[in-house]
Amino acid sequence: MRTTLTLDDDVADFLREQARLQNRPFKQVVNDTLRRGMSPVARELGPAYRVSPHHGGFRSGVDPLKLNQLNDELETQEFMGQDGE
């Protein structure tokens, strides 16, 4: 079917570049691109990626309430102008 279609400049430039890179007719690139756009995305993505959770507790002796204590002390020393010596 023949029809007139107005494309945005960036879209037309992209399609022309794809036609050039693939050494295919512009019409074929437009039709293939439209078909890909109309197909369900799930088919192209493949199987879903599954994440296996892992309990990452702290090692014994680590106090989670004091994790930022050293950082706080270093920032305080820097603010006060001390070298830490």
C-alpha atoms as a PDB file:
ATOM      1  CA  MET A   1       0.000   0.000   0.000  1.00  0.00           C
ATOM      2  CA  ARG A   2       1.326   3.399  -0.905  1.00  0.00           C
ATOM      3  CA  THR A   3       0.861   6.200   1.612  1.00  0.00           C
ATOM      4  CA  THR A   4       2.394   9.536   2.582  1.00  0.00           C
ATOM      5  CA  LEU A   5       4.024   9.659   5.975  1.00  0.00           C
ATOM      6  CA  THR A   6       5.605  12.696   7.657  1.00  0.00           C
ATOM      7  CA  LEU A   7       8.558  11.742   9.850  1.00  0.00           C
ATOM      8  CA  ASP A   8      10.400  13.889  12.331  1.00  0.00           C
ATOM      9  CA  ASP A   9      13.872  14.853  11.102  1.00  0.00           C
ATOM     10  CA  ASP A  10      15.677  12.783  13.737  1.00  0.00           C
ATOM     11  CA  VAL A  11      13.599   9.689  12.927  1.00  0.00           C
ATOM     12  CA  ALA A  12      14.142  10.073   9.182  1.00  0.00           C
ATOM     13  CA  ASP A  13      17.887  10.567   9.720  1.00  0.00           C
ATOM     14  CA  PHE A  14      18.058   7.439  11.876  1.00  0.00           C
ATOM     15  CA  LEU A  15      16.164   5.344   9.326  1.00  0.00           C
ATOM     16  CA  ARG A  16      18.307   6.612   6.429  1.00  0.00           C
ATOM     17  CA  GLU A  17      21.459   5.804   8.394  1.00  0.00           C
ATOM     18  CA  GLN A  18      20.175   2.297   9.187  1.00  0.00           C
ATOM     19  CA  ALA A  19      19.346   1.737   5.520  1.00  0.00           C
ATOM     20  CA  ARG A  20      22.859   2.829   4.576  1.00  0.00           C
ATOM     21  CA  LEU A  21      24.572   0.716   7.251  1.00  0.00           C
ATOM     22  CA  GLN A  22      22.514  -2.381   6.445  1.00  0.00           C
ATOM     23  CA  ASN A  23      22.704  -1.794   2.684  1.00  0.00           C
ATOM     24  CA  ARG A  24      18.921  -2.221   2.469  1.00  0.00           C
ATOM     25  CA  PRO A  25      16.186  -0.133   0.864  1.00  0.00           C
ATOM     26  CA  PHE A  26      14.741   2.668   3.003  1.00  0.00           C
ATOM     27  CA  LYS A  27      11.227   1.217   2.601  1.00  0.00           C
ATOM     28  CA  GLN A  28      12.329  -2.152   3.985  1.00  0.00           C
ATOM     29  CA  VAL A  29      14.049  -0.557   6.990  1.00  0.00           C
ATOM     30  CA  VAL A  30      10.929   1.509   7.764  1.00  0.00           C
ATOM     31  CA  ASN A  31       8.648  -1.539   7.508  1.00  0.00           C
ATOM     32  CA  ASP A  32      10.929  -3.729   9.650  1.00  0.00           C
ATOM     33  CA  THR A  33      11.265  -0.994  12.276  1.00  0.00           C
ATOM     34  CA  LEU A  34       7.486  -0.546  12.434  1.00  0.00           C
ATOM     35  CA  ARG A  35       6.976  -4.303  12.751  1.00  0.00           C
ATOM     36  CA  ARG A  36       9.457  -4.485  15.637  1.00  0.00           C
ATOM     37  CA  GLY A  37       7.640  -1.599  17.300  1.00  0.00           C
ATOM     38  CA  MET A  38       4.305  -3.385  17.027  1.00  0.00           C
ATOM     39  CA  SER A  39       5.508  -6.747  18.349  1.00  0.00           C
ATOM     40  CA  PRO A  40       5.280  -7.596  22.049  1.00  0.00           C
ATOM     41  CA  VAL A  41       8.466  -6.626  23.819  1.00  0.00           C
ATOM     42  CA  ALA A  42       8.599  -9.849  25.869  1.00  0.00           C
ATOM     43  CA  ARG A  43       9.420 -11.915  22.778  1.00  0.00           C
ATOM     44  CA  GLU A  44      12.525  -9.842  22.069  1.00  0.00           C
ATOM     45  CA  LEU A  45      13.758  -9.770  25.668  1.00  0.00           C
ATOM     46  CA  GLY A  46      13.918 -13.509  26.130  1.00  0.00           C
ATOM     47  CA  PRO A  47      13.404 -15.279  29.428  1.00  0.00           C
ATOM     48  CA  ALA A  48      13.017 -13.190  32.564  1.00  0.00           C
ATOM     49  CA  TYR A  49      16.142 -12.667  34.653  1.00  0.00           C
ATOM     50  CA  ARG A  50      15.798 -14.137  38.124  1.00  0.00           C
ATOM     51  CA  VAL A  51      17.644 -12.862  41.179  1.00  0.00           C
ATOM     52  CA  SER A  52      18.369 -15.220  44.039  1.00  0.00           C
ATOM     53  CA  PRO A  53      18.406 -13.268  47.326  1.00  0.00           C
ATOM     54  CA  HIS A  54      21.234 -13.896  49.745  1.00  0.00           C
ATOM     55  CA  HIS A  55      21.140 -13.040  53.422  1.00  0.00           C
ATOM     56  CA  GLY A  56      24.203 -10.892  53.943  1.00  0.00           C
ATOM     57  CA  GLY A  57      24.309 -10.474  57.669  1.00  0.00           C
ATOM     58  CA  PHE A  58      27.214  -8.873  59.480  1.00  0.00           C
ATOM     59  CA  ARG A  59      30.191 -10.843  60.724  1.00  0.00           C
ATOM     60  CA  SER A  60      30.365 -11.416  64.422  1.00  0.00           C
ATOM     61  CA  GLY A  61      31.916  -8.469  66.219  1.00  0.00           C
ATOM     62  CA  VAL A  62      30.622  -5.848  63.777  1.00  0.00           C
ATOM     63  CA  ASP A  63      28.256  -3.397  65.421  1.00  0.00           C
ATOM     64  CA  PRO A  64      25.886  -2.108  62.709  1.00  0.00           C
ATOM     65  CA  LEU A  65      25.123   0.941  64.849  1.00  0.00           C
ATOM     66  CA  LYS A  66      28.752   2.093  64.627  1.00  0.00           C
ATOM     67  CA  LEU A  67      29.435   1.570  60.920  1.00  0.00           C
ATOM     68  CA  ASN A  68      29.852   5.291  60.238  1.00  0.00           C
ATOM     69  CA  GLN A  69      31.683   6.146  63.447  1.00  0.00           C
ATOM     70  CA  LEU A  70      35.180   6.210  61.874  1.00  0.00           C
ATOM     71  CA  ASN A  71      33.922   8.297  58.956  1.00  0.00           C
ATOM     72  CA  ASP A  72      32.281  10.751  61.351  1.00  0.00           C
ATOM     73  CA  GLU A  73      35.486  11.025  63.388  1.00  0.00           C
ATOM     74  CA  LEU A  74      37.593  11.677  60.279  1.00  0.00           C
ATOM     75  CA  GLU A  75      35.165  14.333  59.032  1.00  0.00           C
ATOM     76  CA  THR A  76      35.196  16.012  62.443  1.00  0.00           C
ATOM     77  CA  GLN A  77      39.006  16.066  62.487  1.00  0.00           C
ATOM     78  CA  GLU A  78      39.091  17.537  58.990  1.00  0.00           C
ATOM     79  CA  PHE A  79      36.517  20.190  59.921  1.00  0.00           C
ATOM     80  CA  MET A  80      38.448  21.154  63.041  1.00  0.00           C
ATOM     81  CA  GLY A  81      41.677  21.415  61.019  1.00  0.00           C
ATOM     82  CA  GLN A  82      43.490  18.649  62.803  1.00  0.00           C
ATOM     83  CA  ASP A  83      45.906  16.266  61.092  1.00  0.00           C
ATOM     84  CA  GLY A  84      44.767  13.380  63.160  1.00  0.00           C
ATOM     85  CA  GLU A  85      48.060  13.353  65.046  1.00  0.00           C
END
